[in-house]
Amino acid sequence: MSTRNQTLEALLSQIARQESLWQVEKDLRALGSEGVGGLLEIRRNGPGALRRHALHALALIGAGDALDDRDRRGLERLVRIKLPDDRPLDHHCPFQWIAVPAAAYEGVFEALGLYDRIPATMAMGMSAVLHDTAVVYGPDGEGTTVHRAFVTPEFAGWRMVFGGPVYRCAEEEVLARVSAHCGQAHYYVRDAYDDDHGWAIAERGRVVRSYRTYREPAWTGEPMAWEAPQEEDEYGDPDRYDPNASCETSANGVAETLTVDPEQIDEDTPMTGHGWLAVTAPGVGNGPFPGALEI
C-alpha cells in the first residue's frame, strides 16, 4: 500500500470516529489533488468500509465537484427519500435572515440573484449556511467569491432565507428589491454578544419601517398598528421618548409577531413543501463549498 493510501485510510478512520475533524480537514487539504484522487479511488474500489467516509472527506474539503455521476445520482436519490418526512431541527439559528410570504417566495431567486437551486432537507440547509462562502477559479486563474443561500420550507405561511446573500438585505435597497418581487420582505438581525437587534419591513419595493439598536436614528418610518407605543414601557424614561419609537426592539419578538421566529419552530409549527439550496453564480453548484452537508 502506498504512503498516500495509508495516510488517507488513517484520516478516514478518524472521520469514522468523528475525531479531530478540523485537523483531518487540514491534513486532507495539504494532500492537494493527490488526496482528492486517492479519495475518488477509494469511492470506486474500496475498502468498502471507508467508501462512505471518503464521500464525507470530499465534501469536507469542498471537492464535491469531483464526484462521478453515480455518486451524484445516489445523493440526489437520498435527498428525495428524506424530503417527505423532513421536519424542523434543533439547530442553532443564524443571526440574520429574511422572511417572505410563502405564496410569492419564487421572487427571492431573481431578487437576490440565486442560481442552480436544488431541493434540500432542513438538515442540508442549516448545515450549508455554516459554510456559505467559497472561492471558485476560472480558466484564467481568477478567483470569484460565491455565496449560497437556504430557502426554507413554508412555515405558517412564510418562508425564510438564510446564508450569505441575506447579509446584503441590511442595505435597504436590496430588501426593497426583494419586496418588489415578493410583495413583502422582512429582515431580521440579532447579536446577543452586543445586545444588538435590528428589523426592517419592506412592502412593494419600499422599506416602510425599520429599527437598529445602535443606529442613529434608531427608528425609521412611522409606527405601525401592531407596535406597542413606547409609553407602555414601564421601564422607559418619558423625558427620552422618541416620537416614532415603540417597544418593539427585539428582532425575535417582531418576527414572532409578524412572520415566524426561527428559534420557536418546533414539531407543532405547520410546515409545507421543501427547502432549496441556491448559489450566487450560475454553473457553480454546491461542490466547491467546504464542509459536509447533513441530509
C-alpha atoms as a PDB file:
ATOM      1  CA  MET A   1       0.000   0.000   0.000  1.00  0.00           C
ATOM      2  CA  SER A   2       1.337   3.435  -0.930  1.00  0.00           C
ATOM      3  CA  THR A   3       2.144   6.021   1.717  1.00  0.00           C
ATOM      4  CA  ARG A   4      -0.639   8.208   0.315  1.00  0.00           C
ATOM      5  CA  ASN A   5      -3.231   5.460   0.717  1.00  0.00           C
ATOM      6  CA  GLN A   6      -2.038   4.692   4.227  1.00  0.00           C
ATOM      7  CA  THR A   7      -2.383   8.357   5.135  1.00  0.00           C
ATOM      8  CA  LEU A   8      -5.856   8.573   3.609  1.00  0.00           C
ATOM      9  CA  GLU A   9      -7.092   5.422   5.345  1.00  0.00           C
ATOM     10  CA  ALA A  10      -5.815   6.753   8.678  1.00  0.00           C
ATOM     11  CA  LEU A  11      -7.616  10.069   8.106  1.00  0.00           C
ATOM     12  CA  LEU A  12     -10.831   8.324   7.063  1.00  0.00           C
ATOM     13  CA  SER A  13     -10.690   6.216  10.214  1.00  0.00           C
ATOM     14  CA  GLN A  14     -10.590   9.468  12.186  1.00  0.00           C
ATOM     15  CA  ILE A  15     -13.669  10.663  10.304  1.00  0.00           C
ATOM     16  CA  ALA A  16     -15.413   7.405  11.153  1.00  0.00           C
ATOM     17  CA  ARG A  17     -14.665   8.070  14.838  1.00  0.00           C
ATOM     18  CA  GLN A  18     -15.617  11.773  14.479  1.00  0.00           C
ATOM     19  CA  GLU A  19     -12.187  12.566  15.876  1.00  0.00           C
ATOM     20  CA  SER A  20     -10.379  15.940  15.410  1.00  0.00           C
ATOM     21  CA  LEU A  21     -12.225  16.745  12.176  1.00  0.00           C
ATOM     22  CA  TRP A  22     -10.612  20.189  11.928  1.00  0.00           C
ATOM     23  CA  GLN A  23      -7.179  18.539  11.841  1.00  0.00           C
ATOM     24  CA  VAL A  24      -8.410  15.922   9.366  1.00  0.00           C
ATOM     25  CA  GLU A  25      -9.615  18.695   7.050  1.00  0.00           C
ATOM     26  CA  LYS A  26      -6.254  20.471   7.344  1.00  0.00           C
ATOM     27  CA  ASP A  27      -4.326  17.266   6.561  1.00  0.00           C
ATOM     28  CA  LEU A  28      -6.587  16.424   3.615  1.00  0.00           C
ATOM     29  CA  ARG A  29      -6.105  19.875   2.130  1.00  0.00           C
ATOM     30  CA  ALA A  30      -2.349  19.502   2.478  1.00  0.00           C
ATOM     31  CA  LEU A  31      -2.510  16.451   0.183  1.00  0.00           C
ATOM     32  CA  GLY A  32      -3.995  18.590  -2.593  1.00  0.00           C
ATOM     33  CA  SER A  33      -5.059  16.993  -5.865  1.00  0.00           C
ATOM     34  CA  GLU A  34      -3.255  13.782  -4.937  1.00  0.00           C
ATOM     35  CA  GLY A  35      -5.505  13.414  -1.914  1.00  0.00           C
ATOM     36  CA  VAL A  36      -8.654  14.067  -3.958  1.00  0.00           C
ATOM     37  CA  GLY A  37      -7.574  11.439  -6.459  1.00  0.00           C
ATOM     38  CA  GLY A  38      -6.970   8.932  -3.679  1.00  0.00           C
ATOM     39  CA  LEU A  39     -10.385   9.588  -2.146  1.00  0.00           C
ATOM     40  CA  LEU A  40     -12.067   9.072  -5.511  1.00  0.00           C
ATOM     41  CA  GLU A  41     -10.160   5.814  -5.901  1.00  0.00           C
ATOM     42  CA  ILE A  42     -11.471   4.649  -2.507  1.00  0.00           C
ATOM     43  CA  ARG A  43     -15.005   5.615  -3.601  1.00  0.00           C
ATOM     44  CA  ARG A  44     -14.610   3.369  -6.661  1.00  0.00           C
ATOM     45  CA  ASN A  45     -12.534   0.482  -5.338  1.00  0.00           C
ATOM     46  CA  GLY A  46     -12.782   0.456  -1.551  1.00  0.00           C
ATOM     47  CA  PRO A  47     -12.032  -0.681   1.059  1.00  0.00           C
ATOM     48  CA  GLY A  48     -15.794  -0.907   1.350  1.00  0.00           C
ATOM     49  CA  ALA A  49     -15.879   0.203   4.988  1.00  0.00           C
ATOM     50  CA  LEU A  50     -14.235   3.514   4.034  1.00  0.00           C
ATOM     51  CA  ARG A  51     -16.281   4.419   0.947  1.00  0.00           C
ATOM     52  CA  ARG A  52     -18.873   6.403   2.899  1.00  0.00           C
ATOM     53  CA  HIS A  53     -16.178   8.249   4.832  1.00  0.00           C
ATOM     54  CA  ALA A  54     -14.338   9.075   1.587  1.00  0.00           C
ATOM     55  CA  LEU A  55     -17.524  10.844   0.419  1.00  0.00           C
ATOM     56  CA  HIS A  56     -17.611  12.758   3.711  1.00  0.00           C
ATOM     57  CA  ALA A  57     -13.951  13.714   3.225  1.00  0.00           C
ATOM     58  CA  LEU A  58     -14.535  15.035  -0.305  1.00  0.00           C
ATOM     59  CA  ALA A  59     -17.363  17.217   0.985  1.00  0.00           C
ATOM     60  CA  LEU A  60     -15.253  18.358   3.937  1.00  0.00           C
ATOM     61  CA  ILE A  61     -12.647  19.929   1.653  1.00  0.00           C
ATOM     62  CA  GLY A  62     -15.096  21.295  -0.922  1.00  0.00           C
ATOM     63  CA  ALA A  63     -14.257  18.746  -3.614  1.00  0.00           C
ATOM     64  CA  GLY A  64     -17.826  17.691  -4.329  1.00  0.00           C
ATOM     65  CA  ASP A  65     -17.435  18.679  -7.982  1.00  0.00           C
ATOM     66  CA  ALA A  66     -15.039  15.745  -8.383  1.00  0.00           C
ATOM     67  CA  LEU A  67     -17.785  13.178  -7.696  1.00  0.00           C
ATOM     68  CA  ASP A  68     -18.772  10.952 -10.602  1.00  0.00           C
ATOM     69  CA  ASP A  69     -22.302  10.760 -11.981  1.00  0.00           C
ATOM     70  CA  ARG A  70     -23.101   7.626  -9.988  1.00  0.00           C
ATOM     71  CA  ASP A  71     -22.329   9.350  -6.673  1.00  0.00           C
ATOM     72  CA  ARG A  72     -24.281  12.438  -7.698  1.00  0.00           C
ATOM     73  CA  ARG A  73     -27.343  10.375  -8.578  1.00  0.00           C
ATOM     74  CA  GLY A  74     -27.048   8.483  -5.314  1.00  0.00           C
ATOM     75  CA  LEU A  75     -27.005  11.678  -3.273  1.00  0.00           C
ATOM     76  CA  GLU A  76     -29.965  13.117  -5.192  1.00  0.00           C
ATOM     77  CA  ARG A  77     -31.900   9.906  -4.595  1.00  0.00           C
ATOM     78  CA  LEU A  78     -31.141  10.025  -0.863  1.00  0.00           C
ATOM     79  CA  VAL A  79     -32.416  13.605  -0.640  1.00  0.00           C
ATOM     80  CA  ARG A  80     -35.642  12.679  -2.443  1.00  0.00           C
ATOM     81  CA  ILE A  81     -36.171   9.808   0.012  1.00  0.00           C
ATOM     82  CA  LYS A  82     -35.642  12.096   3.007  1.00  0.00           C
ATOM     83  CA  LEU A  83     -37.791  15.034   1.868  1.00  0.00           C
ATOM     84  CA  PRO A  84     -41.297  13.570   2.502  1.00  0.00           C
ATOM     85  CA  ASP A  85     -40.501  13.025   6.196  1.00  0.00           C
ATOM     86  CA  ASP A  86     -38.463  16.188   6.695  1.00  0.00           C
ATOM     87  CA  ARG A  87     -39.071  18.111   9.912  1.00  0.00           C
ATOM     88  CA  PRO A  88     -37.608  21.155  11.709  1.00  0.00           C
ATOM     89  CA  LEU A  89     -34.383  20.604  13.613  1.00  0.00           C
ATOM     90  CA  ASP A  90     -32.968  21.913  16.846  1.00  0.00           C
ATOM     91  CA  HIS A  91     -30.109  23.687  15.090  1.00  0.00           C
ATOM     92  CA  HIS A  92     -28.508  26.944  16.112  1.00  0.00           C
ATOM     93  CA  CYS A  93     -30.274  29.725  14.234  1.00  0.00           C
ATOM     94  CA  PRO A  94     -28.125  32.088  12.120  1.00  0.00           C
ATOM     95  CA  PHE A  95     -28.003  35.691  13.291  1.00  0.00           C
ATOM     96  CA  GLN A  96     -29.531  37.144  10.114  1.00  0.00           C
ATOM     97  CA  TRP A  97     -32.464  36.079   7.996  1.00  0.00           C
ATOM     98  CA  ILE A  98     -35.279  37.380   5.837  1.00  0.00           C
ATOM     99  CA  ALA A  99     -38.879  36.201   5.642  1.00  0.00           C
ATOM    100  CA  VAL A 100     -41.181  36.453   2.621  1.00  0.00           C
ATOM    101  CA  PRO A 101     -44.776  35.323   2.022  1.00  0.00           C
ATOM    102  CA  ALA A 102     -44.709  31.671   1.014  1.00  0.00           C
ATOM    103  CA  ALA A 103     -47.098  32.261  -1.876  1.00  0.00           C
ATOM    104  CA  ALA A 104     -44.599  34.608  -3.555  1.00  0.00           C
ATOM    105  CA  TYR A 105     -41.257  33.139  -2.455  1.00  0.00           C
ATOM    106  CA  GLU A 106     -40.164  32.345  -6.035  1.00  0.00           C
ATOM    107  CA  GLY A 107     -39.319  36.025  -6.387  1.00  0.00           C
ATOM    108  CA  VAL A 108     -36.421  35.601  -3.937  1.00  0.00           C
ATOM    109  CA  PHE A 109     -34.290  33.781  -6.517  1.00  0.00           C
ATOM    110  CA  GLU A 110     -34.438  36.616  -9.030  1.00  0.00           C
ATOM    111  CA  ALA A 111     -34.233  39.400  -6.447  1.00  0.00           C
ATOM    112  CA  LEU A 112     -31.076  38.030  -4.813  1.00  0.00           C
ATOM    113  CA  GLY A 113     -29.532  36.610  -7.993  1.00  0.00           C
ATOM    114  CA  LEU A 114     -29.661  32.939  -6.958  1.00  0.00           C
ATOM    115  CA  TYR A 115     -28.939  30.080  -9.384  1.00  0.00           C
ATOM    116  CA  ASP A 116     -28.648  26.296  -9.632  1.00  0.00           C
ATOM    117  CA  ARG A 117     -31.186  25.569  -6.930  1.00  0.00           C
ATOM    118  CA  ILE A 118     -31.614  22.026  -5.667  1.00  0.00           C
ATOM    119  CA  PRO A 119     -34.146  20.513  -3.230  1.00  0.00           C
ATOM    120  CA  ALA A 120     -32.797  20.427   0.306  1.00  0.00           C
ATOM    121  CA  THR A 121     -33.838  18.992   3.637  1.00  0.00           C
ATOM    122  CA  MET A 122     -33.763  21.178   6.727  1.00  0.00           C
ATOM    123  CA  ALA A 123     -30.583  19.405   7.839  1.00  0.00           C
ATOM    124  CA  MET A 124     -28.924  20.140   4.486  1.00  0.00           C
ATOM    125  CA  GLY A 125     -29.917  23.780   4.555  1.00  0.00           C
ATOM    126  CA  MET A 126     -28.911  24.553   8.111  1.00  0.00           C
ATOM    127  CA  SER A 127     -25.560  22.809   7.719  1.00  0.00           C
ATOM    128  CA  ALA A 128     -24.988  24.537   4.367  1.00  0.00           C
ATOM    129  CA  VAL A 129     -25.243  28.036   5.823  1.00  0.00           C
ATOM    130  CA  LEU A 130     -22.469  27.209   8.273  1.00  0.00           C
ATOM    131  CA  HIS A 131     -20.190  27.202   5.203  1.00  0.00           C
ATOM    132  CA  ASP A 132     -21.889  29.670   2.882  1.00  0.00           C
ATOM    133  CA  THR A 133     -18.849  31.120   1.087  1.00  0.00           C
ATOM    134  CA  ALA A 134     -16.447  29.637  -1.468  1.00  0.00           C
ATOM    135  CA  VAL A 135     -13.905  30.955  -3.953  1.00  0.00           C
ATOM    136  CA  VAL A 136     -14.052  29.393  -7.418  1.00  0.00           C
ATOM    137  CA  TYR A 137     -11.372  29.838 -10.069  1.00  0.00           C
ATOM    138  CA  GLY A 138     -11.899  30.305 -13.777  1.00  0.00           C
ATOM    139  CA  PRO A 139      -9.647  29.124 -16.629  1.00  0.00           C
ATOM    140  CA  ASP A 140      -7.593  32.310 -16.259  1.00  0.00           C
ATOM    141  CA  GLY A 141      -6.944  31.571 -12.593  1.00  0.00           C
ATOM    142  CA  GLU A 142      -9.078  34.494 -11.490  1.00  0.00           C
ATOM    143  CA  GLY A 143     -10.920  33.800  -8.223  1.00  0.00           C
ATOM    144  CA  THR A 144     -14.597  34.658  -7.707  1.00  0.00           C
ATOM    145  CA  THR A 145     -16.299  34.658  -4.322  1.00  0.00           C
ATOM    146  CA  VAL A 146     -19.609  32.799  -4.369  1.00  0.00           C
ATOM    147  CA  HIS A 147     -22.239  32.558  -1.626  1.00  0.00           C
ATOM    148  CA  ARG A 148     -25.102  30.162  -1.097  1.00  0.00           C
ATOM    149  CA  ALA A 149     -28.499  30.561   0.481  1.00  0.00           C
ATOM    150  CA  PHE A 150     -31.028  28.218   2.040  1.00  0.00           C
ATOM    151  CA  VAL A 151     -34.683  28.934   1.357  1.00  0.00           C
ATOM    152  CA  THR A 152     -36.692  27.039   3.972  1.00  0.00           C
ATOM    153  CA  PRO A 153     -39.929  25.121   3.538  1.00  0.00           C
ATOM    154  CA  GLU A 154     -43.100  27.055   4.285  1.00  0.00           C
ATOM    155  CA  PHE A 155     -43.701  27.628   7.991  1.00  0.00           C
ATOM    156  CA  ALA A 156     -47.098  29.046   8.952  1.00  0.00           C
ATOM    157  CA  GLY A 157     -47.397  30.877   5.625  1.00  0.00           C
ATOM    158  CA  TRP A 158     -43.820  32.214   5.425  1.00  0.00           C
ATOM    159  CA  ARG A 159     -40.505  31.099   4.003  1.00  0.00           C
ATOM    160  CA  MET A 160     -37.217  32.215   5.496  1.00  0.00           C
ATOM    161  CA  VAL A 161     -33.888  32.687   3.772  1.00  0.00           C
ATOM    162  CA  PHE A 162     -30.533  32.150   5.482  1.00  0.00           C
ATOM    163  CA  GLY A 163     -26.955  32.424   4.249  1.00  0.00           C
ATOM    164  CA  GLY A 164     -24.516  34.854   2.678  1.00  0.00           C
ATOM    165  CA  PRO A 165     -26.888  36.602   0.223  1.00  0.00           C
ATOM    166  CA  VAL A 166     -29.120  37.645   3.142  1.00  0.00           C
ATOM    167  CA  TYR A 167     -26.409  39.926   4.566  1.00  0.00           C
ATOM    168  CA  ARG A 168     -26.939  42.286   1.642  1.00  0.00           C
ATOM    169  CA  CYS A 169     -30.523  42.799   2.817  1.00  0.00           C
ATOM    170  CA  ALA A 170     -29.171  45.012   5.582  1.00  0.00           C
ATOM    171  CA  GLU A 171     -28.995  47.551   2.731  1.00  0.00           C
ATOM    172  CA  GLU A 172     -32.468  48.988   2.312  1.00  0.00           C
ATOM    173  CA  GLU A 173     -32.345  48.977  -1.480  1.00  0.00           C
ATOM    174  CA  VAL A 174     -31.706  45.205  -1.532  1.00  0.00           C
ATOM    175  CA  LEU A 175     -34.547  44.461   0.895  1.00  0.00           C
ATOM    176  CA  ALA A 176     -36.792  46.798  -1.098  1.00  0.00           C
ATOM    177  CA  ARG A 177     -35.950  44.856  -4.265  1.00  0.00           C
ATOM    178  CA  VAL A 178     -36.909  41.570  -2.612  1.00  0.00           C
ATOM    179  CA  SER A 179     -40.236  43.087  -1.545  1.00  0.00           C
ATOM    180  CA  ALA A 180     -40.850  44.284  -5.113  1.00  0.00           C
ATOM    181  CA  HIS A 181     -40.619  40.654  -6.239  1.00  0.00           C
ATOM    182  CA  CYS A 182     -42.423  39.077  -3.276  1.00  0.00           C
ATOM    183  CA  GLY A 183     -44.885  41.757  -2.148  1.00  0.00           C
ATOM    184  CA  GLN A 184     -43.305  41.870   1.322  1.00  0.00           C
ATOM    185  CA  ALA A 185     -39.864  41.200   2.757  1.00  0.00           C
ATOM    186  CA  HIS A 186     -38.835  41.284   6.415  1.00  0.00           C
ATOM    187  CA  TYR A 187     -35.195  41.464   7.505  1.00  0.00           C
ATOM    188  CA  TYR A 188     -34.034  40.417  10.979  1.00  0.00           C
ATOM    189  CA  VAL A 189     -30.634  40.540  12.656  1.00  0.00           C
ATOM    190  CA  ARG A 190     -29.549  39.950  16.231  1.00  0.00           C
ATOM    191  CA  ASP A 191     -26.226  39.792  18.054  1.00  0.00           C
ATOM    192  CA  ALA A 192     -26.550  38.542  21.611  1.00  0.00           C
ATOM    193  CA  TYR A 193     -22.929  39.463  22.371  1.00  0.00           C
ATOM    194  CA  ASP A 194     -23.563  43.193  21.840  1.00  0.00           C
ATOM    195  CA  ASP A 195     -27.297  43.029  22.633  1.00  0.00           C
ATOM    196  CA  ASP A 196     -27.783  44.419  19.132  1.00  0.00           C
ATOM    197  CA  HIS A 197     -31.104  43.841  17.382  1.00  0.00           C
ATOM    198  CA  GLY A 198     -32.476  45.071  14.115  1.00  0.00           C
ATOM    199  CA  TRP A 199     -35.501  44.553  11.899  1.00  0.00           C
ATOM    200  CA  ALA A 200     -36.919  46.115   8.757  1.00  0.00           C
ATOM    201  CA  ILE A 201     -40.162  45.757   6.834  1.00  0.00           C
ATOM    202  CA  ALA A 202     -40.392  46.395   3.110  1.00  0.00           C
ATOM    203  CA  GLU A 203     -43.576  46.408   1.068  1.00  0.00           C
ATOM    204  CA  ARG A 204     -43.976  46.604  -2.718  1.00  0.00           C
ATOM    205  CA  GLY A 205     -40.481  47.943  -3.344  1.00  0.00           C
ATOM    206  CA  ARG A 206     -40.121  50.297  -0.370  1.00  0.00           C
ATOM    207  CA  VAL A 207     -38.839  49.969   3.205  1.00  0.00           C
ATOM    208  CA  VAL A 208     -41.652  51.331   5.379  1.00  0.00           C
ATOM    209  CA  ARG A 209     -40.309  50.742   8.888  1.00  0.00           C
ATOM    210  CA  SER A 210     -37.011  49.731  10.498  1.00  0.00           C
ATOM    211  CA  TYR A 211     -35.110  49.634  13.768  1.00  0.00           C
ATOM    212  CA  ARG A 212     -31.467  49.031  14.767  1.00  0.00           C
ATOM    213  CA  THR A 213     -30.209  49.211  18.347  1.00  0.00           C
ATOM    214  CA  TYR A 214     -27.080  51.329  17.905  1.00  0.00           C
ATOM    215  CA  ARG A 215     -28.032  53.226  14.759  1.00  0.00           C
ATOM    216  CA  GLU A 216     -28.712  56.958  14.647  1.00  0.00           C
ATOM    217  CA  PRO A 217     -31.571  57.393  14.269  1.00  0.00           C
ATOM    218  CA  ALA A 218     -32.578  54.011  15.667  1.00  0.00           C
ATOM    219  CA  TRP A 219     -36.026  54.180  14.023  1.00  0.00           C
ATOM    220  CA  THR A 220     -37.109  54.985  10.505  1.00  0.00           C
ATOM    221  CA  GLY A 221     -40.666  55.256   9.206  1.00  0.00           C
ATOM    222  CA  GLU A 222     -43.846  55.692  11.166  1.00  0.00           C
ATOM    223  CA  PRO A 223     -45.009  53.247  13.879  1.00  0.00           C
ATOM    224  CA  MET A 224     -47.294  50.529  12.565  1.00  0.00           C
ATOM    225  CA  ALA A 225     -50.602  49.416  14.019  1.00  0.00           C
ATOM    226  CA  TRP A 226     -49.195  46.268  15.657  1.00  0.00           C
ATOM    227  CA  GLU A 227     -46.456  48.119  17.572  1.00  0.00           C
ATOM    228  CA  ALA A 228     -46.824  48.797  21.297  1.00  0.00           C
ATOM    229  CA  PRO A 229     -46.343  52.544  21.969  1.00  0.00           C
ATOM    230  CA  GLN A 230     -43.207  53.466  23.866  1.00  0.00           C
ATOM    231  CA  GLU A 231     -45.373  54.917  26.626  1.00  0.00           C
ATOM    232  CA  GLU A 232     -46.368  51.347  27.526  1.00  0.00           C
ATOM    233  CA  ASP A 233     -42.782  50.517  28.539  1.00  0.00           C
ATOM    234  CA  GLU A 234     -42.926  50.531  32.339  1.00  0.00           C
ATOM    235  CA  TYR A 235     -39.144  50.947  32.497  1.00  0.00           C
ATOM    236  CA  GLY A 236     -38.990  53.760  29.961  1.00  0.00           C
ATOM    237  CA  ASP A 237     -37.998  57.368  30.601  1.00  0.00           C
ATOM    238  CA  PRO A 238     -40.812  59.733  29.493  1.00  0.00           C
ATOM    239  CA  ASP A 239     -38.285  62.535  29.003  1.00  0.00           C
ATOM    240  CA  ARG A 240     -36.460  60.486  26.368  1.00  0.00           C
ATOM    241  CA  TYR A 241     -39.354  59.197  24.276  1.00  0.00           C
ATOM    242  CA  ASP A 242     -38.761  59.382  20.539  1.00  0.00           C
ATOM    243  CA  PRO A 243     -41.916  60.357  18.621  1.00  0.00           C
ATOM    244  CA  ASN A 244     -41.596  57.494  16.133  1.00  0.00           C
ATOM    245  CA  ALA A 245     -40.251  54.852  18.562  1.00  0.00           C
ATOM    246  CA  SER A 246     -42.085  51.888  20.083  1.00  0.00           C
ATOM    247  CA  CYS A 247     -41.444  48.996  22.450  1.00  0.00           C
ATOM    248  CA  GLU A 248     -40.647  46.616  19.588  1.00  0.00           C
ATOM    249  CA  THR A 249     -36.861  46.374  19.841  1.00  0.00           C
ATOM    250  CA  SER A 250     -36.395  42.583  19.742  1.00  0.00           C
ATOM    251  CA  ALA A 251     -35.761  41.014  16.322  1.00  0.00           C
ATOM    252  CA  ASN A 252     -37.094  37.672  17.517  1.00  0.00           C
ATOM    253  CA  GLY A 253     -40.118  39.293  19.131  1.00  0.00           C
ATOM    254  CA  VAL A 254     -41.060  41.156  15.962  1.00  0.00           C
ATOM    255  CA  ALA A 255     -40.505  38.019  13.883  1.00  0.00           C
ATOM    256  CA  GLU A 256     -42.822  36.052  16.176  1.00  0.00           C
ATOM    257  CA  THR A 257     -45.481  38.758  15.895  1.00  0.00           C
ATOM    258  CA  LEU A 258     -45.350  39.295  12.130  1.00  0.00           C
ATOM    259  CA  THR A 259     -43.840  36.223  10.475  1.00  0.00           C
ATOM    260  CA  VAL A 260     -42.074  33.277  12.117  1.00  0.00           C
ATOM    261  CA  ASP A 261     -39.359  33.284  14.776  1.00  0.00           C
ATOM    262  CA  PRO A 262     -36.988  30.524  13.612  1.00  0.00           C
ATOM    263  CA  GLU A 263     -35.940  29.833  17.190  1.00  0.00           C
ATOM    264  CA  GLN A 264     -39.532  28.961  18.097  1.00  0.00           C
ATOM    265  CA  ILE A 265     -40.136  26.498  15.253  1.00  0.00           C
ATOM    266  CA  ASP A 266     -40.900  23.025  16.551  1.00  0.00           C
ATOM    267  CA  GLU A 267     -42.821  19.895  15.606  1.00  0.00           C
ATOM    268  CA  ASP A 268     -46.142  21.724  16.083  1.00  0.00           C
ATOM    269  CA  THR A 269     -45.323  24.533  13.625  1.00  0.00           C
ATOM    270  CA  PRO A 270     -47.214  23.981  10.330  1.00  0.00           C
ATOM    271  CA  MET A 271     -44.678  23.064   7.624  1.00  0.00           C
ATOM    272  CA  THR A 272     -45.359  22.677   3.891  1.00  0.00           C
ATOM    273  CA  GLY A 273     -43.176  21.854   0.906  1.00  0.00           C
ATOM    274  CA  HIS A 274     -39.410  21.522   0.979  1.00  0.00           C
ATOM    275  CA  GLY A 275     -36.407  23.810   1.105  1.00  0.00           C
ATOM    276  CA  TRP A 276     -33.946  24.864  -1.605  1.00  0.00           C
ATOM    277  CA  LEU A 277     -30.220  25.487  -1.765  1.00  0.00           C
ATOM    278  CA  ALA A 278     -29.047  28.018  -4.344  1.00  0.00           C
ATOM    279  CA  VAL A 279     -25.859  29.929  -5.124  1.00  0.00           C
ATOM    280  CA  THR A 280     -24.969  33.419  -6.349  1.00  0.00           C
ATOM    281  CA  ALA A 281     -23.306  32.412  -9.623  1.00  0.00           C
ATOM    282  CA  PRO A 282     -24.579  30.117 -12.400  1.00  0.00           C
ATOM    283  CA  GLY A 283     -22.862  26.804 -13.047  1.00  0.00           C
ATOM    284  CA  VAL A 284     -21.142  26.623  -9.664  1.00  0.00           C
ATOM    285  CA  GLY A 285     -23.388  24.279  -7.691  1.00  0.00           C
ATOM    286  CA  ASN A 286     -22.631  23.205  -4.133  1.00  0.00           C
ATOM    287  CA  GLY A 287     -19.466  21.233  -4.835  1.00  0.00           C
ATOM    288  CA  PRO A 288     -16.871  23.959  -4.101  1.00  0.00           C
ATOM    289  CA  PHE A 289     -18.222  24.820  -0.653  1.00  0.00           C
ATOM    290  CA  PRO A 290     -16.293  23.282   2.255  1.00  0.00           C
ATOM    291  CA  GLY A 291     -17.979  21.210   4.947  1.00  0.00           C
ATOM    292  CA  ALA A 292     -20.047  18.076   4.743  1.00  0.00           C
ATOM    293  CA  LEU A 293     -23.807  18.579   4.411  1.00  0.00           C
ATOM    294  CA  GLU A 294     -26.136  16.687   6.678  1.00  0.00           C
ATOM    295  CA  ILE A 295     -29.115  15.079   4.958  1.00  0.00           C
END
